[in-house]
N, C-alpha and C. Protein backbone atom coordinates (compact mmCIF):
# COMPACT_ATOMS: atom_id res chain seq x y z
N MET A 1 76.99 103.61 105.34
CA MET A 1 77.65 102.37 104.97
C MET A 1 77.44 102.07 103.49
N ALA A 2 76.24 102.30 102.98
CA ALA A 2 75.95 102.02 101.57
C ALA A 2 76.86 102.85 100.66
N GLU A 3 77.13 104.10 101.06
CA GLU A 3 77.99 104.96 100.25
C GLU A 3 79.41 104.40 100.17
N VAL A 4 79.93 103.93 101.29
CA VAL A 4 81.28 103.37 101.32
C VAL A 4 81.34 102.08 100.50
N LEU A 5 80.31 101.24 100.60
CA LEU A 5 80.28 100.02 99.79
C LEU A 5 80.26 100.36 98.30
N ASP A 6 79.58 101.44 97.96
CA ASP A 6 79.55 101.89 96.58
C ASP A 6 80.95 102.35 96.14
N VAL A 7 81.63 103.08 97.00
CA VAL A 7 82.98 103.58 96.69
C VAL A 7 83.93 102.42 96.38
N VAL A 8 83.82 101.33 97.13
CA VAL A 8 84.74 100.19 96.94
C VAL A 8 84.19 99.14 95.98
N GLY A 9 83.03 99.41 95.39
CA GLY A 9 82.49 98.51 94.38
C GLY A 9 81.83 97.25 94.93
N LEU A 10 81.30 97.33 96.14
CA LEU A 10 80.65 96.16 96.74
C LEU A 10 79.15 96.34 96.97
N SER A 11 78.54 97.31 96.34
CA SER A 11 77.11 97.55 96.54
C SER A 11 76.28 96.31 96.23
N ASP A 12 76.62 95.62 95.16
CA ASP A 12 75.85 94.44 94.76
C ASP A 12 76.03 93.27 95.73
N ALA A 13 77.08 93.31 96.53
CA ALA A 13 77.36 92.21 97.46
C ALA A 13 76.91 92.52 98.89
N ALA A 14 76.20 93.63 99.08
CA ALA A 14 75.84 94.08 100.42
C ALA A 14 75.08 93.04 101.23
N GLY A 15 74.27 92.22 100.62
CA GLY A 15 73.49 91.23 101.36
C GLY A 15 74.16 89.87 101.51
N ARG A 16 75.33 89.72 100.92
CA ARG A 16 76.00 88.42 100.96
C ARG A 16 76.80 88.22 102.24
N ARG A 17 76.99 86.97 102.60
CA ARG A 17 77.84 86.64 103.74
C ARG A 17 79.30 86.84 103.33
N VAL A 18 80.07 87.40 104.24
CA VAL A 18 81.47 87.70 103.96
C VAL A 18 82.25 86.44 103.62
N ARG A 19 81.92 85.33 104.22
CA ARG A 19 82.68 84.10 103.95
C ARG A 19 82.56 83.64 102.50
N THR A 20 81.59 84.19 101.76
CA THR A 20 81.46 83.84 100.34
C THR A 20 82.27 84.77 99.44
N PHE A 21 82.90 85.78 100.01
CA PHE A 21 83.67 86.76 99.23
C PHE A 21 84.97 86.15 98.73
N SER A 22 85.37 86.58 97.54
CA SER A 22 86.69 86.22 97.02
C SER A 22 87.74 87.01 97.80
N LEU A 23 89.01 86.68 97.59
CA LEU A 23 90.09 87.40 98.26
C LEU A 23 90.04 88.89 97.91
N GLY A 24 89.83 89.18 96.65
CA GLY A 24 89.75 90.58 96.22
C GLY A 24 88.59 91.32 96.85
N MET A 25 87.44 90.64 96.96
CA MET A 25 86.28 91.26 97.60
C MET A 25 86.58 91.51 99.08
N GLY A 26 87.29 90.59 99.69
CA GLY A 26 87.68 90.77 101.09
C GLY A 26 88.58 91.98 101.26
N GLN A 27 89.50 92.18 100.31
CA GLN A 27 90.37 93.35 100.34
C GLN A 27 89.54 94.63 100.23
N ARG A 28 88.58 94.62 99.32
CA ARG A 28 87.72 95.79 99.15
C ARG A 28 86.89 96.06 100.42
N LEU A 29 86.42 94.98 101.06
CA LEU A 29 85.67 95.15 102.30
C LEU A 29 86.55 95.73 103.39
N GLY A 30 87.79 95.27 103.47
CA GLY A 30 88.73 95.83 104.44
C GLY A 30 88.96 97.31 104.19
N LEU A 31 89.07 97.68 102.93
CA LEU A 31 89.23 99.09 102.58
C LEU A 31 87.99 99.88 102.94
N ALA A 32 86.81 99.29 102.72
CA ALA A 32 85.56 99.97 103.09
C ALA A 32 85.55 100.25 104.59
N THR A 33 85.99 99.29 105.38
CA THR A 33 86.05 99.48 106.83
C THR A 33 86.99 100.62 107.17
N ALA A 34 88.15 100.66 106.51
CA ALA A 34 89.12 101.71 106.77
C ALA A 34 88.59 103.09 106.36
N LEU A 35 87.72 103.13 105.37
CA LEU A 35 87.19 104.41 104.88
C LEU A 35 86.03 104.95 105.72
N LEU A 36 85.45 104.10 106.56
CA LEU A 36 84.34 104.57 107.40
C LEU A 36 84.78 105.77 108.23
N GLY A 37 83.99 106.78 108.26
CA GLY A 37 84.32 107.99 109.01
C GLY A 37 85.24 108.93 108.25
N ASP A 38 85.57 108.61 107.00
CA ASP A 38 86.39 109.47 106.15
C ASP A 38 87.65 109.97 106.88
N PRO A 39 88.54 109.04 107.26
CA PRO A 39 89.72 109.43 108.03
C PRO A 39 90.69 110.30 107.23
N GLU A 40 91.40 111.19 107.93
CA GLU A 40 92.41 112.02 107.27
C GLU A 40 93.62 111.18 106.88
N VAL A 41 93.93 110.18 107.71
CA VAL A 41 95.07 109.30 107.46
C VAL A 41 94.54 107.89 107.21
N LEU A 42 94.94 107.31 106.11
CA LEU A 42 94.53 105.96 105.74
C LEU A 42 95.78 105.09 105.77
N VAL A 43 95.78 104.06 106.62
CA VAL A 43 96.92 103.16 106.75
C VAL A 43 96.53 101.81 106.16
N LEU A 44 97.27 101.37 105.14
CA LEU A 44 96.93 100.14 104.44
C LEU A 44 98.15 99.23 104.33
N ASP A 45 97.95 97.96 104.62
CA ASP A 45 99.00 96.96 104.51
C ASP A 45 98.69 96.05 103.33
N GLU A 46 99.58 96.03 102.36
CA GLU A 46 99.43 95.19 101.17
C GLU A 46 98.05 95.35 100.52
N PRO A 47 97.66 96.57 100.17
CA PRO A 47 96.29 96.79 99.68
C PRO A 47 95.94 96.15 98.35
N VAL A 48 96.92 95.77 97.54
CA VAL A 48 96.59 95.19 96.24
C VAL A 48 96.56 93.67 96.24
N ASN A 49 96.91 93.04 97.36
CA ASN A 49 96.88 91.58 97.43
C ASN A 49 95.49 91.07 97.09
N GLY A 50 95.42 90.12 96.19
CA GLY A 50 94.15 89.49 95.85
C GLY A 50 93.31 90.26 94.85
N LEU A 51 93.78 91.42 94.42
CA LEU A 51 93.01 92.19 93.45
C LEU A 51 93.45 91.83 92.03
N ASP A 52 92.48 91.82 91.13
CA ASP A 52 92.79 91.60 89.72
C ASP A 52 93.33 92.91 89.13
N PRO A 53 93.83 92.89 87.90
CA PRO A 53 94.39 94.11 87.31
C PRO A 53 93.44 95.31 87.34
N GLU A 54 92.17 95.07 87.11
CA GLU A 54 91.18 96.16 87.17
C GLU A 54 91.10 96.71 88.58
N GLY A 55 91.10 95.82 89.57
CA GLY A 55 91.04 96.24 90.97
C GLY A 55 92.28 97.01 91.39
N ILE A 56 93.43 96.60 90.87
CA ILE A 56 94.68 97.31 91.18
C ILE A 56 94.63 98.72 90.61
N ARG A 57 94.18 98.85 89.38
CA ARG A 57 94.06 100.18 88.78
C ARG A 57 93.07 101.03 89.57
N TRP A 58 91.96 100.42 89.97
CA TRP A 58 90.94 101.14 90.74
C TRP A 58 91.52 101.65 92.06
N ILE A 59 92.26 100.80 92.79
CA ILE A 59 92.78 101.23 94.09
C ILE A 59 93.85 102.31 93.92
N ARG A 60 94.66 102.21 92.86
CA ARG A 60 95.63 103.27 92.60
C ARG A 60 94.93 104.61 92.44
N THR A 61 93.86 104.61 91.65
CA THR A 61 93.11 105.84 91.41
C THR A 61 92.51 106.37 92.71
N LEU A 62 91.90 105.49 93.49
CA LEU A 62 91.29 105.90 94.76
C LEU A 62 92.33 106.51 95.70
N LEU A 63 93.48 105.86 95.84
CA LEU A 63 94.51 106.35 96.74
C LEU A 63 95.08 107.68 96.26
N ARG A 64 95.28 107.82 94.95
CA ARG A 64 95.78 109.08 94.41
C ARG A 64 94.78 110.21 94.64
N GLN A 65 93.49 109.93 94.46
CA GLN A 65 92.46 110.94 94.70
C GLN A 65 92.47 111.40 96.15
N ARG A 66 92.61 110.46 97.08
CA ARG A 66 92.64 110.82 98.50
C ARG A 66 93.85 111.69 98.81
N ALA A 67 95.01 111.31 98.27
CA ALA A 67 96.22 112.10 98.51
C ALA A 67 96.10 113.48 97.87
N ASP A 68 95.58 113.54 96.66
CA ASP A 68 95.42 114.81 95.97
C ASP A 68 94.43 115.73 96.68
N ALA A 69 93.49 115.14 97.42
CA ALA A 69 92.50 115.92 98.16
C ALA A 69 93.04 116.35 99.53
N GLY A 70 94.31 116.04 99.80
CA GLY A 70 94.92 116.48 101.05
C GLY A 70 95.00 115.42 102.12
N GLY A 71 94.51 114.23 101.84
CA GLY A 71 94.60 113.15 102.81
C GLY A 71 95.97 112.51 102.78
N THR A 72 96.27 111.76 103.81
CA THR A 72 97.53 111.03 103.87
C THR A 72 97.24 109.55 103.73
N VAL A 73 97.98 108.90 102.86
CA VAL A 73 97.84 107.46 102.66
C VAL A 73 99.20 106.84 102.97
N LEU A 74 99.23 105.96 103.96
CA LEU A 74 100.45 105.25 104.33
C LEU A 74 100.30 103.81 103.90
N LEU A 75 101.18 103.37 103.00
CA LEU A 75 101.11 102.01 102.47
C LEU A 75 102.31 101.21 102.94
N SER A 76 102.06 99.97 103.24
CA SER A 76 103.12 99.01 103.51
C SER A 76 102.97 97.91 102.48
N SER A 77 104.06 97.61 101.78
CA SER A 77 103.96 96.59 100.75
C SER A 77 105.33 96.01 100.43
N HIS A 78 105.33 94.75 100.04
CA HIS A 78 106.53 94.10 99.54
C HIS A 78 106.57 94.15 98.02
N VAL A 79 105.53 94.64 97.41
CA VAL A 79 105.46 94.74 95.95
C VAL A 79 105.98 96.12 95.57
N LEU A 80 107.29 96.21 95.42
CA LEU A 80 107.93 97.51 95.23
C LEU A 80 107.55 98.17 93.92
N ALA A 81 107.35 97.39 92.87
CA ALA A 81 106.93 97.98 91.60
C ALA A 81 105.57 98.65 91.75
N GLU A 82 104.72 98.07 92.56
CA GLU A 82 103.40 98.67 92.80
C GLU A 82 103.54 99.96 93.60
N LEU A 83 104.40 99.95 94.61
CA LEU A 83 104.62 101.17 95.39
C LEU A 83 105.14 102.29 94.49
N ALA A 84 106.02 101.93 93.58
CA ALA A 84 106.58 102.94 92.68
C ALA A 84 105.51 103.58 91.81
N GLU A 85 104.40 102.89 91.61
CA GLU A 85 103.29 103.43 90.81
C GLU A 85 102.47 104.47 91.57
N VAL A 86 102.48 104.41 92.91
CA VAL A 86 101.57 105.27 93.66
C VAL A 86 102.24 106.15 94.71
N ALA A 87 103.46 105.85 95.10
CA ALA A 87 104.07 106.57 96.22
C ALA A 87 104.67 107.90 95.79
N ASP A 88 104.50 108.88 96.65
CA ASP A 88 105.19 110.16 96.49
C ASP A 88 106.47 110.14 97.31
N ASP A 89 106.34 109.64 98.53
CA ASP A 89 107.46 109.58 99.47
C ASP A 89 107.63 108.15 99.94
N VAL A 90 108.87 107.78 100.23
CA VAL A 90 109.20 106.40 100.57
C VAL A 90 110.05 106.37 101.83
N VAL A 91 109.80 105.39 102.68
CA VAL A 91 110.67 105.09 103.81
C VAL A 91 111.07 103.63 103.65
N VAL A 92 112.37 103.38 103.58
CA VAL A 92 112.88 102.01 103.49
C VAL A 92 113.32 101.60 104.89
N ILE A 93 112.71 100.51 105.39
CA ILE A 93 113.01 100.01 106.73
C ILE A 93 113.52 98.58 106.61
N ALA A 94 114.58 98.28 107.32
CA ALA A 94 115.11 96.91 107.36
C ALA A 94 115.74 96.69 108.73
N GLY A 95 115.47 95.55 109.31
CA GLY A 95 116.03 95.24 110.61
C GLY A 95 115.63 96.23 111.68
N GLY A 96 114.44 96.79 111.53
CA GLY A 96 113.95 97.74 112.52
C GLY A 96 114.57 99.12 112.43
N ARG A 97 115.33 99.37 111.38
CA ARG A 97 115.98 100.67 111.21
C ARG A 97 115.56 101.33 109.90
N VAL A 98 115.43 102.63 109.96
CA VAL A 98 115.15 103.39 108.74
C VAL A 98 116.45 103.47 107.95
N ARG A 99 116.43 102.96 106.74
CA ARG A 99 117.62 102.95 105.89
C ARG A 99 117.64 104.14 104.93
N ALA A 100 116.48 104.60 104.54
CA ALA A 100 116.40 105.77 103.66
C ALA A 100 115.00 106.34 103.72
N THR A 101 114.91 107.63 103.52
CA THR A 101 113.61 108.29 103.45
C THR A 101 113.73 109.47 102.51
N GLY A 102 112.70 109.70 101.76
CA GLY A 102 112.70 110.82 100.83
C GLY A 102 111.62 110.62 99.79
N THR A 103 111.65 111.47 98.80
CA THR A 103 110.71 111.27 97.71
C THR A 103 111.10 110.00 96.98
N LEU A 104 110.19 109.46 96.22
CA LEU A 104 110.49 108.27 95.43
C LEU A 104 111.72 108.52 94.56
N GLU A 105 111.77 109.67 93.95
CA GLU A 105 112.90 110.00 93.07
C GLU A 105 114.20 110.06 93.85
N GLU A 106 114.19 110.64 95.06
CA GLU A 106 115.40 110.73 95.87
C GLU A 106 115.91 109.36 96.28
N VAL A 107 115.01 108.51 96.75
CA VAL A 107 115.43 107.20 97.24
C VAL A 107 115.92 106.32 96.09
N ALA A 108 115.29 106.42 94.94
CA ALA A 108 115.65 105.57 93.80
C ALA A 108 116.76 106.17 92.93
N ALA A 109 117.19 107.40 93.23
CA ALA A 109 118.21 108.06 92.41
C ALA A 109 119.48 107.22 92.34
N GLY A 110 119.98 107.03 91.14
CA GLY A 110 121.20 106.27 90.94
C GLY A 110 120.99 104.78 90.81
N TYR A 111 119.77 104.33 90.95
CA TYR A 111 119.44 102.92 90.82
C TYR A 111 118.51 102.75 89.62
N ALA A 112 118.41 101.54 89.12
CA ALA A 112 117.53 101.27 87.98
C ALA A 112 116.08 101.51 88.34
N ASN A 113 115.70 101.20 89.60
CA ASN A 113 114.32 101.36 90.03
C ASN A 113 114.27 101.25 91.56
N LEU A 114 113.09 101.35 92.12
CA LEU A 114 112.93 101.29 93.57
C LEU A 114 113.37 99.95 94.13
N GLU A 115 113.11 98.87 93.40
CA GLU A 115 113.51 97.55 93.88
C GLU A 115 115.02 97.44 94.02
N GLU A 116 115.77 97.93 93.04
CA GLU A 116 117.23 97.90 93.12
C GLU A 116 117.72 98.76 94.28
N ALA A 117 117.10 99.91 94.49
CA ALA A 117 117.47 100.76 95.63
C ALA A 117 117.23 100.02 96.93
N PHE A 118 116.08 99.36 97.04
CA PHE A 118 115.75 98.62 98.25
C PHE A 118 116.80 97.56 98.55
N PHE A 119 117.15 96.74 97.55
CA PHE A 119 118.11 95.67 97.79
C PHE A 119 119.49 96.21 98.17
N SER A 120 119.89 97.30 97.57
CA SER A 120 121.18 97.89 97.93
C SER A 120 121.14 98.46 99.34
N LEU A 121 120.08 99.16 99.66
CA LEU A 121 119.97 99.81 100.97
C LEU A 121 119.80 98.82 102.11
N THR A 122 119.28 97.65 101.81
CA THR A 122 119.01 96.67 102.87
C THR A 122 119.96 95.49 102.84
N ALA A 123 121.00 95.56 102.02
CA ALA A 123 121.97 94.47 101.93
C ALA A 123 122.63 94.25 103.30
N PRO A 124 122.94 92.99 103.64
CA PRO A 124 123.57 92.70 104.94
C PRO A 124 124.84 93.51 105.18
N THR A 125 125.54 93.86 104.12
CA THR A 125 126.75 94.66 104.27
C THR A 125 126.42 96.12 104.47
N GLY A 126 125.14 96.43 104.45
CA GLY A 126 124.71 97.80 104.69
C GLY A 126 124.53 98.59 103.43
N GLY A 127 124.97 98.04 102.31
CA GLY A 127 124.81 98.76 101.05
C GLY A 127 125.38 100.14 101.21
N LYS A 128 124.75 101.10 100.67
CA LYS A 128 125.12 102.49 100.88
C LYS A 128 124.04 103.07 101.75
N ALA A 129 124.11 102.80 103.04
CA ALA A 129 123.07 103.29 103.95
C ALA A 129 122.81 104.74 103.64
N GLY A 130 121.66 105.02 103.24
CA GLY A 130 121.32 106.36 102.82
C GLY A 130 121.26 106.42 101.31
N GLY A 131 121.91 105.45 100.72
CA GLY A 131 121.80 105.26 99.28
C GLY A 131 122.31 106.43 98.48
N ARG A 132 122.13 106.30 97.21
CA ARG A 132 122.43 107.39 96.28
C ARG A 132 121.17 108.20 96.19
N GLY A 133 121.00 109.09 97.06
CA GLY A 133 119.74 109.81 97.17
C GLY A 133 119.07 109.37 98.44
N GLY A 134 117.98 109.94 98.75
CA GLY A 134 117.29 109.61 100.00
C GLY A 134 118.09 110.12 101.18
N ARG A 135 117.46 110.16 102.31
CA ARG A 135 118.10 110.62 103.53
C ARG A 135 118.08 109.48 104.51
N ALA A 136 119.22 108.93 104.82
CA ALA A 136 119.29 107.77 105.70
C ALA A 136 119.09 108.18 107.14
N GLY A 137 118.35 107.35 107.85
CA GLY A 137 118.23 107.49 109.28
C GLY A 137 117.41 108.66 109.77
N ARG A 138 116.83 109.44 108.91
CA ARG A 138 116.01 110.56 109.35
C ARG A 138 114.56 110.16 109.25
N GLU A 139 113.96 109.99 110.39
CA GLU A 139 112.54 109.63 110.39
C GLU A 139 111.74 110.91 110.25
N GLU A 140 111.17 111.09 109.09
CA GLU A 140 110.39 112.29 108.84
C GLU A 140 108.93 112.00 108.62
N GLY A 141 108.57 110.74 108.62
CA GLY A 141 107.19 110.40 108.32
C GLY A 141 106.99 110.36 106.82
N VAL A 142 105.85 109.93 106.42
CA VAL A 142 105.55 109.83 105.01
C VAL A 142 104.48 110.85 104.68
N ARG A 143 104.77 111.66 103.71
CA ARG A 143 103.80 112.66 103.29
C ARG A 143 103.06 112.14 102.08
N SER A 144 101.91 112.69 101.81
CA SER A 144 101.19 112.30 100.60
C SER A 144 101.19 113.43 99.61
């Protein structure tokens, strides 16, 4: 446990009550819990919420290291600019349906950025389901 707390930068807070933690510290503690047992697949929902800029940079580095070491990191986030900083592969889901899947470059191809691709792909009129790039409707999972 001490090693995991060190990885997430909470060694100095090990003796403190969790209720005294800031939002960012709570996020780091949640990540520490997820890292216990060194899982091959790490599933994170909104991992940068509550983190300061230093914490965001730190988590990007940690997630990239895990992916580069062969692990799989599955992120769910509404902060599309942040996803664009760390994602290799993207699945766009809206209304319970996969609207596009592919590499970040494939899904965002023809759009200014991932956010513009998302809004087009999820527009009520259906946008260009499948978009300019990406593969619509093919659930392939997310690779790291």
